[in-house]
């Protein structure tokens, strides 16, 4: 299967920036291709929501609330995905989760999630 490790969360003042990183890797002997990578977030007491998503073909999607402030990028050679977050607002405070959609082998599809990294933005 595919497992993910996130890093880069922390506390920052409003208007500041953070860069989240996520590394994807497969289990020993597995062969997989990544179809899409993305970031989701969940604030206390609220549902998890899509923040940004990037497909292997280059298509992107951002939540309206982060457009113009957040940028998702990948390093395909390293199976890494990043989320550059600028002009952070208190409303961005949440646990951020990395997500990878991949095809293992020929037909097996997997939807993998990281454990999450906390981002706290103070006013």
C-alpha atoms as a PDB file:
ATOM      1  CA  UNK A   1       0.000   0.000   0.000  1.00  0.00           C
ATOM      2  CA  UNK A   2       0.901   3.678  -0.082  1.00  0.00           C
ATOM      3  CA  UNK A   3       1.724   5.502   3.123  1.00  0.00           C
ATOM      4  CA  UNK A   4       2.227   9.199   3.687  1.00  0.00           C
ATOM      5  CA  UNK A   5       4.310  11.300   6.066  1.00  0.00           C
ATOM      6  CA  UNK A   6       3.507  14.984   6.569  1.00  0.00           C
ATOM      7  CA  UNK A   7       5.606  17.772   8.012  1.00  0.00           C
ATOM      8  CA  UNK A   8       5.757  21.554   8.183  1.00  0.00           C
ATOM      9  CA  UNK A   9       2.863  22.393  10.457  1.00  0.00           C
ATOM     10  CA  UNK A  10       3.198  24.807  13.321  1.00  0.00           C
ATOM     11  CA  UNK A  11       2.064  28.092  14.795  1.00  0.00           C
ATOM     12  CA  UNK A  12       2.247  31.366  12.928  1.00  0.00           C
ATOM     13  CA  UNK A  13       0.902  34.889  13.204  1.00  0.00           C
ATOM     14  CA  UNK A  14      -1.770  36.097  10.826  1.00  0.00           C
ATOM     15  CA  UNK A  15      -0.197  37.178   7.560  1.00  0.00           C
ATOM     16  CA  UNK A  16       2.645  34.717   7.898  1.00  0.00           C
ATOM     17  CA  UNK A  17       3.555  31.720   5.781  1.00  0.00           C
ATOM     18  CA  UNK A  18       4.088  27.999   6.177  1.00  0.00           C
ATOM     19  CA  UNK A  19       5.057  25.238   3.791  1.00  0.00           C
ATOM     20  CA  UNK A  20       3.658  21.765   4.290  1.00  0.00           C
ATOM     21  CA  UNK A  21       5.397  18.713   2.872  1.00  0.00           C
ATOM     22  CA  UNK A  22       4.173  15.187   2.274  1.00  0.00           C
ATOM     23  CA  UNK A  23       6.219  12.184   1.217  1.00  0.00           C
ATOM     24  CA  UNK A  24       4.528   9.214  -0.414  1.00  0.00           C
ATOM     25  CA  UNK A  25       6.026   5.749  -0.512  1.00  0.00           C
ATOM     26  CA  UNK A  26       4.877   2.257  -1.330  1.00  0.00           C
ATOM     27  CA  UNK A  27       5.272  -0.934   0.631  1.00  0.00           C
ATOM     28  CA  UNK A  28       8.146  -3.224  -0.264  1.00  0.00           C
ATOM     29  CA  UNK A  29       7.672  -4.793  -3.642  1.00  0.00           C
ATOM     30  CA  UNK A  30       4.716  -2.652  -4.612  1.00  0.00           C
ATOM     31  CA  UNK A  31       4.554  -0.788  -7.886  1.00  0.00           C
ATOM     32  CA  UNK A  32       2.302   2.223  -8.005  1.00  0.00           C
ATOM     33  CA  UNK A  33       1.574   5.328 -10.003  1.00  0.00           C
ATOM     34  CA  UNK A  34       0.176   8.495  -8.489  1.00  0.00           C
ATOM     35  CA  UNK A  35      -2.991   9.794 -10.094  1.00  0.00           C
ATOM     36  CA  UNK A  36      -3.540  12.781  -7.837  1.00  0.00           C
ATOM     37  CA  UNK A  37      -2.174  14.395  -4.698  1.00  0.00           C
ATOM     38  CA  UNK A  38      -3.911  16.869  -2.490  1.00  0.00           C
ATOM     39  CA  UNK A  39      -4.369  18.543   0.846  1.00  0.00           C
ATOM     40  CA  UNK A  40      -7.447  18.572   3.032  1.00  0.00           C
ATOM     41  CA  UNK A  41      -8.061  20.237   6.355  1.00  0.00           C
ATOM     42  CA  UNK A  42     -10.377  19.838   9.288  1.00  0.00           C
ATOM     43  CA  UNK A  43     -11.030  22.547  11.841  1.00  0.00           C
ATOM     44  CA  UNK A  44     -12.316  21.675  15.317  1.00  0.00           C
ATOM     45  CA  UNK A  45     -15.975  20.729  15.185  1.00  0.00           C
ATOM     46  CA  UNK A  46     -16.142  20.987  11.402  1.00  0.00           C
ATOM     47  CA  UNK A  47     -16.055  18.599   8.462  1.00  0.00           C
ATOM     48  CA  UNK A  48     -12.931  17.843   6.495  1.00  0.00           C
ATOM     49  CA  UNK A  49     -12.694  19.940   3.353  1.00  0.00           C
ATOM     50  CA  UNK A  50     -10.594  20.010   0.223  1.00  0.00           C
ATOM     51  CA  UNK A  51      -7.888  22.656   0.246  1.00  0.00           C
ATOM     52  CA  UNK A  52      -5.948  21.912  -2.926  1.00  0.00           C
ATOM     53  CA  UNK A  53      -5.614  19.044  -5.377  1.00  0.00           C
ATOM     54  CA  UNK A  54      -3.244  18.373  -8.255  1.00  0.00           C
ATOM     55  CA  UNK A  55      -3.634  15.548 -10.749  1.00  0.00           C
ATOM     56  CA  UNK A  56      -0.839  13.822 -12.619  1.00  0.00           C
ATOM     57  CA  UNK A  57      -2.010  15.582 -15.774  1.00  0.00           C
ATOM     58  CA  UNK A  58      -1.505  18.984 -14.181  1.00  0.00           C
ATOM     59  CA  UNK A  59      -5.079  19.939 -13.342  1.00  0.00           C
ATOM     60  CA  UNK A  60      -5.503  21.871 -10.107  1.00  0.00           C
ATOM     61  CA  UNK A  61      -8.390  22.685  -7.832  1.00  0.00           C
ATOM     62  CA  UNK A  62      -8.403  25.019  -4.843  1.00  0.00           C
ATOM     63  CA  UNK A  63     -10.944  25.858  -2.236  1.00  0.00           C
ATOM     64  CA  UNK A  64     -12.352  29.313  -2.882  1.00  0.00           C
ATOM     65  CA  UNK A  65     -11.151  30.455   0.523  1.00  0.00           C
ATOM     66  CA  UNK A  66      -7.484  29.797  -0.304  1.00  0.00           C
ATOM     67  CA  UNK A  67      -7.267  30.828  -3.949  1.00  0.00           C
ATOM     68  CA  UNK A  68      -4.477  33.311  -4.484  1.00  0.00           C
ATOM     69  CA  UNK A  69      -2.878  32.460  -1.149  1.00  0.00           C
ATOM     70  CA  UNK A  70      -2.057  28.740  -1.289  1.00  0.00           C
ATOM     71  CA  UNK A  71      -0.129  26.869  -3.964  1.00  0.00           C
ATOM     72  CA  UNK A  72       0.165  23.106  -4.384  1.00  0.00           C
ATOM     73  CA  UNK A  73       3.237  21.672  -6.102  1.00  0.00           C
ATOM     74  CA  UNK A  74       4.838  18.265  -6.516  1.00  0.00           C
ATOM     75  CA  UNK A  75       8.271  16.770  -6.932  1.00  0.00           C
ATOM     76  CA  UNK A  76       7.486  13.707  -8.974  1.00  0.00           C
ATOM     77  CA  UNK A  77      10.991  12.257  -8.772  1.00  0.00           C
ATOM     78  CA  UNK A  78      10.720  12.154  -4.983  1.00  0.00           C
ATOM     79  CA  UNK A  79       6.977  11.430  -4.727  1.00  0.00           C
ATOM     80  CA  UNK A  80       6.539  14.611  -2.728  1.00  0.00           C
ATOM     81  CA  UNK A  81       3.698  17.093  -2.581  1.00  0.00           C
ATOM     82  CA  UNK A  82       3.892  20.538  -1.009  1.00  0.00           C
ATOM     83  CA  UNK A  83       1.457  23.198   0.057  1.00  0.00           C
ATOM     84  CA  UNK A  84       2.821  26.722   0.222  1.00  0.00           C
ATOM     85  CA  UNK A  85       0.535  28.786   2.417  1.00  0.00           C
ATOM     86  CA  UNK A  86       0.895  32.558   2.350  1.00  0.00           C
ATOM     87  CA  UNK A  87      -1.082  35.361   3.951  1.00  0.00           C
ATOM     88  CA  UNK A  88      -2.406  32.962   6.549  1.00  0.00           C
ATOM     89  CA  UNK A  89      -5.575  33.846   8.402  1.00  0.00           C
ATOM     90  CA  UNK A  90      -6.953  32.599  11.725  1.00  0.00           C
ATOM     91  CA  UNK A  91      -9.676  30.792   9.767  1.00  0.00           C
ATOM     92  CA  UNK A  92      -6.943  28.619   8.235  1.00  0.00           C
ATOM     93  CA  UNK A  93      -6.338  27.015  11.624  1.00  0.00           C
ATOM     94  CA  UNK A  94      -6.922  23.284  11.212  1.00  0.00           C
ATOM     95  CA  UNK A  95      -5.318  19.898  10.982  1.00  0.00           C
ATOM     96  CA  UNK A  96      -4.055  19.471   7.444  1.00  0.00           C
ATOM     97  CA  UNK A  97      -4.036  16.040   5.831  1.00  0.00           C
ATOM     98  CA  UNK A  98      -2.118  14.849   2.808  1.00  0.00           C
ATOM     99  CA  UNK A  99      -4.040  12.669   0.371  1.00  0.00           C
ATOM    100  CA  UNK A 100      -2.797  10.523  -2.491  1.00  0.00           C
ATOM    101  CA  UNK A 101      -4.816   8.664  -5.094  1.00  0.00           C
ATOM    102  CA  UNK A 102      -2.742   5.945  -6.685  1.00  0.00           C
ATOM    103  CA  UNK A 103      -2.989   2.862  -8.827  1.00  0.00           C
ATOM    104  CA  UNK A 104      -1.106  -0.140  -7.494  1.00  0.00           C
ATOM    105  CA  UNK A 105      -0.109  -2.793  -9.944  1.00  0.00           C
ATOM    106  CA  UNK A 106      -2.517  -2.834 -12.840  1.00  0.00           C
ATOM    107  CA  UNK A 107      -6.000  -2.256 -11.464  1.00  0.00           C
ATOM    108  CA  UNK A 108      -5.892  -1.782  -7.702  1.00  0.00           C
ATOM    109  CA  UNK A 109      -6.794   1.747  -6.660  1.00  0.00           C
ATOM    110  CA  UNK A 110      -5.854   3.205  -3.306  1.00  0.00           C
ATOM    111  CA  UNK A 111      -6.832   6.388  -1.502  1.00  0.00           C
ATOM    112  CA  UNK A 112      -4.176   7.056   1.130  1.00  0.00           C
ATOM    113  CA  UNK A 113      -4.181   9.587   3.956  1.00  0.00           C
ATOM    114  CA  UNK A 114      -1.510  10.989   6.218  1.00  0.00           C
ATOM    115  CA  UNK A 115      -1.898  11.343   9.967  1.00  0.00           C
ATOM    116  CA  UNK A 116      -2.258  15.111   9.728  1.00  0.00           C
ATOM    117  CA  UNK A 117      -0.207  18.120  10.774  1.00  0.00           C
ATOM    118  CA  UNK A 118      -1.579  20.964  12.867  1.00  0.00           C
ATOM    119  CA  UNK A 119      -1.529  24.536  11.601  1.00  0.00           C
ATOM    120  CA  UNK A 120      -2.433  27.265  14.076  1.00  0.00           C
ATOM    121  CA  UNK A 121      -2.787  30.872  12.956  1.00  0.00           C
ATOM    122  CA  UNK A 122      -3.158  33.504  15.648  1.00  0.00           C
ATOM    123  CA  UNK A 123      -4.560  36.994  15.242  1.00  0.00           C
END
